[in-house]
Amino acid sequence: MVYEYLKRSGQSSHKVEDINNDLQLKTLNIRLMSVLTGLSQQGLISFICEGKRGDRRIEELQFIPYVQRTHPEVLTFQEWISPVD
C-alpha cells in the first residue's frame, strides 16, 4: 500500500504527516517509518529522512530497479514459481 502510493506520486520528497493522512495509517495503527525501513532493507527503495516528529520529511526517495537489487529474497514472479535445482 505505501510502496504503491509512493510510486504513483512520482515525487522524490514527501512530508511524513501527509502520507499518514492520505493513507490513514494512524487509524490503522501502522508506523510509516517502520514500513519505509522495511522497504529499504528489501532493496526496493532508498531515501533520506530529515526533521523531527510532526515536521519529518522523506527526501531523495528513489526506487531501485530490479537489476540493481542485492537482497537475495527479492525475486521476480518467474523466479518465484520456478523449481529450485
N, C-alpha and C. Protein backbone atom coordinates (compact mmCIF):
# COMPACT_ATOMS: atom_id res chain seq x y z
N MET A 1 0.82 -1.18 0.00
CA MET A 1 0.00 0.00 0.00
C MET A 1 0.88 1.26 0.00
N VAL A 2 1.86 1.34 0.88
CA VAL A 2 2.74 2.50 0.96
C VAL A 2 3.62 2.57 -0.28
N TYR A 3 4.17 1.45 -0.69
CA TYR A 3 5.04 1.41 -1.87
C TYR A 3 4.29 1.91 -3.10
N GLU A 4 3.08 1.42 -3.32
CA GLU A 4 2.28 1.84 -4.48
C GLU A 4 1.95 3.32 -4.42
N TYR A 5 1.62 3.82 -3.24
CA TYR A 5 1.32 5.24 -3.06
C TYR A 5 2.52 6.09 -3.47
N LEU A 6 3.69 5.74 -2.99
CA LEU A 6 4.91 6.49 -3.31
C LEU A 6 5.22 6.42 -4.80
N LYS A 7 5.06 5.24 -5.38
CA LYS A 7 5.34 5.04 -6.80
C LYS A 7 4.41 5.89 -7.66
N ARG A 8 3.12 5.89 -7.33
CA ARG A 8 2.13 6.66 -8.09
C ARG A 8 2.36 8.16 -7.98
N SER A 9 2.86 8.61 -6.85
CA SER A 9 3.02 10.05 -6.63
C SER A 9 4.05 10.67 -7.58
N GLY A 10 5.07 9.91 -7.93
CA GLY A 10 6.11 10.41 -8.82
C GLY A 10 6.99 11.49 -8.21
N GLN A 11 6.94 11.66 -6.91
CA GLN A 11 7.73 12.68 -6.23
C GLN A 11 8.91 12.03 -5.49
N SER A 12 9.96 12.82 -5.28
CA SER A 12 11.10 12.31 -4.53
C SER A 12 11.14 12.88 -3.12
N SER A 13 10.18 13.72 -2.79
CA SER A 13 10.11 14.33 -1.46
C SER A 13 8.68 14.28 -0.95
N HIS A 14 8.52 13.85 0.30
CA HIS A 14 7.19 13.72 0.89
C HIS A 14 7.24 14.15 2.35
N LYS A 15 6.21 14.79 2.81
CA LYS A 15 6.07 15.07 4.23
C LYS A 15 5.42 13.84 4.86
N VAL A 16 6.02 13.30 5.90
CA VAL A 16 5.53 12.08 6.53
C VAL A 16 4.08 12.23 6.98
N GLU A 17 3.75 13.37 7.54
CA GLU A 17 2.38 13.61 8.02
C GLU A 17 1.37 13.53 6.87
N ASP A 18 1.75 14.02 5.69
CA ASP A 18 0.86 13.95 4.53
C ASP A 18 0.60 12.51 4.11
N ILE A 19 1.63 11.68 4.11
CA ILE A 19 1.46 10.27 3.76
C ILE A 19 0.55 9.59 4.77
N ASN A 20 0.82 9.84 6.06
CA ASN A 20 -0.02 9.26 7.12
C ASN A 20 -1.48 9.65 6.93
N ASN A 21 -1.73 10.92 6.62
CA ASN A 21 -3.11 11.38 6.45
C ASN A 21 -3.75 10.81 5.19
N ASP A 22 -3.03 10.82 4.08
CA ASP A 22 -3.58 10.32 2.82
C ASP A 22 -3.94 8.84 2.90
N LEU A 23 -3.10 8.06 3.54
CA LEU A 23 -3.33 6.61 3.63
C LEU A 23 -4.03 6.20 4.92
N GLN A 24 -4.33 7.15 5.78
CA GLN A 24 -4.98 6.90 7.07
C GLN A 24 -4.24 5.84 7.88
N LEU A 25 -2.91 5.96 7.90
CA LEU A 25 -2.08 4.97 8.58
C LEU A 25 -2.25 5.01 10.09
N LYS A 26 -2.51 6.18 10.65
CA LYS A 26 -2.67 6.27 12.10
C LYS A 26 -3.90 5.51 12.56
N THR A 27 -4.98 5.58 11.78
CA THR A 27 -6.19 4.84 12.17
C THR A 27 -5.98 3.34 12.03
N LEU A 28 -5.06 2.94 11.16
CA LEU A 28 -4.74 1.52 11.00
C LEU A 28 -3.63 1.07 11.94
N ASN A 29 -3.10 2.01 12.73
CA ASN A 29 -2.01 1.75 13.67
C ASN A 29 -0.77 1.21 12.97
N ILE A 30 -0.43 1.82 11.83
CA ILE A 30 0.75 1.45 11.07
C ILE A 30 1.78 2.56 11.21
N ARG A 31 3.01 2.19 11.54
CA ARG A 31 4.08 3.18 11.66
C ARG A 31 4.81 3.28 10.33
N LEU A 32 4.68 4.44 9.71
CA LEU A 32 5.22 4.66 8.37
C LEU A 32 6.72 4.43 8.30
N MET A 33 7.46 4.92 9.28
CA MET A 33 8.92 4.79 9.22
C MET A 33 9.34 3.32 9.27
N SER A 34 8.60 2.49 9.99
CA SER A 34 8.90 1.05 10.02
C SER A 34 8.68 0.43 8.64
N VAL A 35 7.61 0.85 7.97
CA VAL A 35 7.32 0.34 6.63
C VAL A 35 8.40 0.78 5.65
N LEU A 36 8.78 2.06 5.70
CA LEU A 36 9.81 2.58 4.80
C LEU A 36 11.15 1.90 5.04
N THR A 37 11.50 1.68 6.30
CA THR A 37 12.75 1.00 6.63
C THR A 37 12.72 -0.43 6.08
N GLY A 38 11.59 -1.10 6.22
CA GLY A 38 11.45 -2.46 5.68
C GLY A 38 11.62 -2.49 4.17
N LEU A 39 11.00 -1.55 3.47
CA LEU A 39 11.15 -1.48 2.01
C LEU A 39 12.60 -1.22 1.62
N SER A 40 13.28 -0.40 2.40
CA SER A 40 14.68 -0.10 2.14
C SER A 40 15.55 -1.34 2.37
N GLN A 41 15.29 -2.06 3.44
CA GLN A 41 16.06 -3.27 3.75
C GLN A 41 15.84 -4.36 2.70
N GLN A 42 14.67 -4.35 2.06
CA GLN A 42 14.39 -5.32 0.99
C GLN A 42 15.03 -4.90 -0.33
N GLY A 43 15.58 -3.70 -0.37
CA GLY A 43 16.24 -3.23 -1.58
C GLY A 43 15.29 -2.62 -2.59
N LEU A 44 14.09 -2.23 -2.17
CA LEU A 44 13.11 -1.68 -3.10
C LEU A 44 13.22 -0.16 -3.25
N ILE A 45 13.62 0.52 -2.18
CA ILE A 45 13.73 1.98 -2.20
C ILE A 45 14.96 2.43 -1.43
N SER A 46 15.35 3.67 -1.66
CA SER A 46 16.34 4.33 -0.81
C SER A 46 15.83 5.73 -0.55
N PHE A 47 16.15 6.27 0.62
CA PHE A 47 15.66 7.60 0.98
C PHE A 47 16.50 8.17 2.10
N ILE A 48 16.33 9.47 2.31
CA ILE A 48 16.92 10.17 3.44
C ILE A 48 15.77 10.76 4.24
N CYS A 49 15.83 10.62 5.55
CA CYS A 49 14.78 11.17 6.41
C CYS A 49 15.35 12.37 7.15
N GLU A 50 14.62 13.48 7.09
CA GLU A 50 15.07 14.70 7.76
C GLU A 50 13.94 15.25 8.62
N GLY A 51 14.31 15.94 9.69
CA GLY A 51 13.32 16.58 10.56
C GLY A 51 12.96 15.72 11.75
N LYS A 52 12.08 16.27 12.59
CA LYS A 52 11.65 15.59 13.80
C LYS A 52 10.14 15.51 13.87
N ARG A 53 9.65 14.44 14.39
CA ARG A 53 8.23 14.21 14.66
C ARG A 53 7.30 14.79 13.59
N GLY A 54 6.49 15.78 13.94
CA GLY A 54 5.48 16.31 13.04
C GLY A 54 6.01 17.00 11.80
N ASP A 55 7.31 17.32 11.78
CA ASP A 55 7.91 18.03 10.65
C ASP A 55 8.84 17.12 9.84
N ARG A 56 8.75 15.82 10.05
CA ARG A 56 9.65 14.87 9.39
C ARG A 56 9.32 14.78 7.90
N ARG A 57 10.38 14.72 7.09
CA ARG A 57 10.23 14.63 5.64
C ARG A 57 11.07 13.48 5.09
N ILE A 58 10.57 12.88 4.04
CA ILE A 58 11.31 11.88 3.28
C ILE A 58 11.90 12.62 2.09
N GLU A 59 13.21 12.59 1.95
CA GLU A 59 13.88 13.29 0.86
C GLU A 59 14.64 12.29 0.00
N GLU A 60 14.88 12.67 -1.23
CA GLU A 60 15.68 11.88 -2.17
C GLU A 60 15.18 10.44 -2.28
N LEU A 61 13.87 10.27 -2.31
CA LEU A 61 13.28 8.94 -2.47
C LEU A 61 13.59 8.41 -3.86
N GLN A 62 14.13 7.21 -3.91
CA GLN A 62 14.45 6.57 -5.18
C GLN A 62 13.96 5.14 -5.16
N PHE A 63 13.42 4.71 -6.29
CA PHE A 63 13.01 3.32 -6.45
C PHE A 63 14.15 2.59 -7.13
N ILE A 64 14.57 1.49 -6.55
CA ILE A 64 15.73 0.75 -7.05
C ILE A 64 15.26 -0.23 -8.11
N PRO A 65 15.79 -0.11 -9.34
CA PRO A 65 15.40 -1.04 -10.41
C PRO A 65 15.76 -2.47 -10.04
N TYR A 66 15.01 -3.41 -10.57
CA TYR A 66 15.21 -4.82 -10.24
C TYR A 66 16.66 -5.27 -10.45
N VAL A 67 17.28 -4.85 -11.54
CA VAL A 67 18.63 -5.31 -11.86
C VAL A 67 19.67 -4.84 -10.86
N GLN A 68 19.35 -3.81 -10.08
CA GLN A 68 20.30 -3.29 -9.10
C GLN A 68 20.05 -3.81 -7.69
N ARG A 69 19.00 -4.56 -7.49
CA ARG A 69 18.68 -5.04 -6.15
C ARG A 69 19.67 -6.11 -5.74
N THR A 70 20.06 -6.05 -4.48
CA THR A 70 21.04 -7.02 -4.00
C THR A 70 20.47 -7.97 -2.97
N HIS A 71 19.29 -7.69 -2.46
CA HIS A 71 18.70 -8.54 -1.43
C HIS A 71 18.36 -9.89 -2.04
N PRO A 72 18.82 -11.00 -1.47
CA PRO A 72 18.64 -12.31 -2.08
C PRO A 72 17.18 -12.77 -2.14
N GLU A 73 16.31 -12.19 -1.35
CA GLU A 73 14.93 -12.66 -1.34
C GLU A 73 14.02 -11.88 -2.29
N VAL A 74 14.55 -10.89 -3.00
CA VAL A 74 13.75 -10.12 -3.93
C VAL A 74 13.78 -10.85 -5.27
N LEU A 75 12.69 -11.50 -5.60
CA LEU A 75 12.61 -12.32 -6.80
C LEU A 75 11.52 -11.82 -7.73
N THR A 76 11.68 -12.08 -9.02
CA THR A 76 10.60 -11.82 -9.95
C THR A 76 9.57 -12.93 -9.79
N PHE A 77 8.40 -12.74 -10.36
CA PHE A 77 7.38 -13.79 -10.28
C PHE A 77 7.87 -15.06 -10.95
N GLN A 78 8.56 -14.93 -12.08
CA GLN A 78 9.07 -16.10 -12.79
C GLN A 78 10.06 -16.87 -11.92
N GLU A 79 10.95 -16.18 -11.24
CA GLU A 79 11.91 -16.84 -10.35
C GLU A 79 11.18 -17.52 -9.19
N TRP A 80 10.15 -16.87 -8.71
CA TRP A 80 9.42 -17.38 -7.55
C TRP A 80 8.72 -18.70 -7.87
N ILE A 81 8.18 -18.83 -9.09
CA ILE A 81 7.44 -20.05 -9.43
C ILE A 81 8.33 -21.14 -10.02
N SER A 82 9.58 -20.81 -10.35
CA SER A 82 10.49 -21.79 -10.93
C SER A 82 10.98 -22.75 -9.86
N PRO A 83 11.07 -24.04 -10.19
CA PRO A 83 11.58 -25.01 -9.20
C PRO A 83 13.06 -24.79 -8.93
N VAL A 84 13.47 -25.10 -7.72
CA VAL A 84 14.87 -24.98 -7.33
C VAL A 84 15.58 -26.27 -7.70
N ASP A 85 16.77 -26.16 -8.31
CA ASP A 85 17.55 -27.36 -8.68
C ASP A 85 18.18 -27.99 -7.48
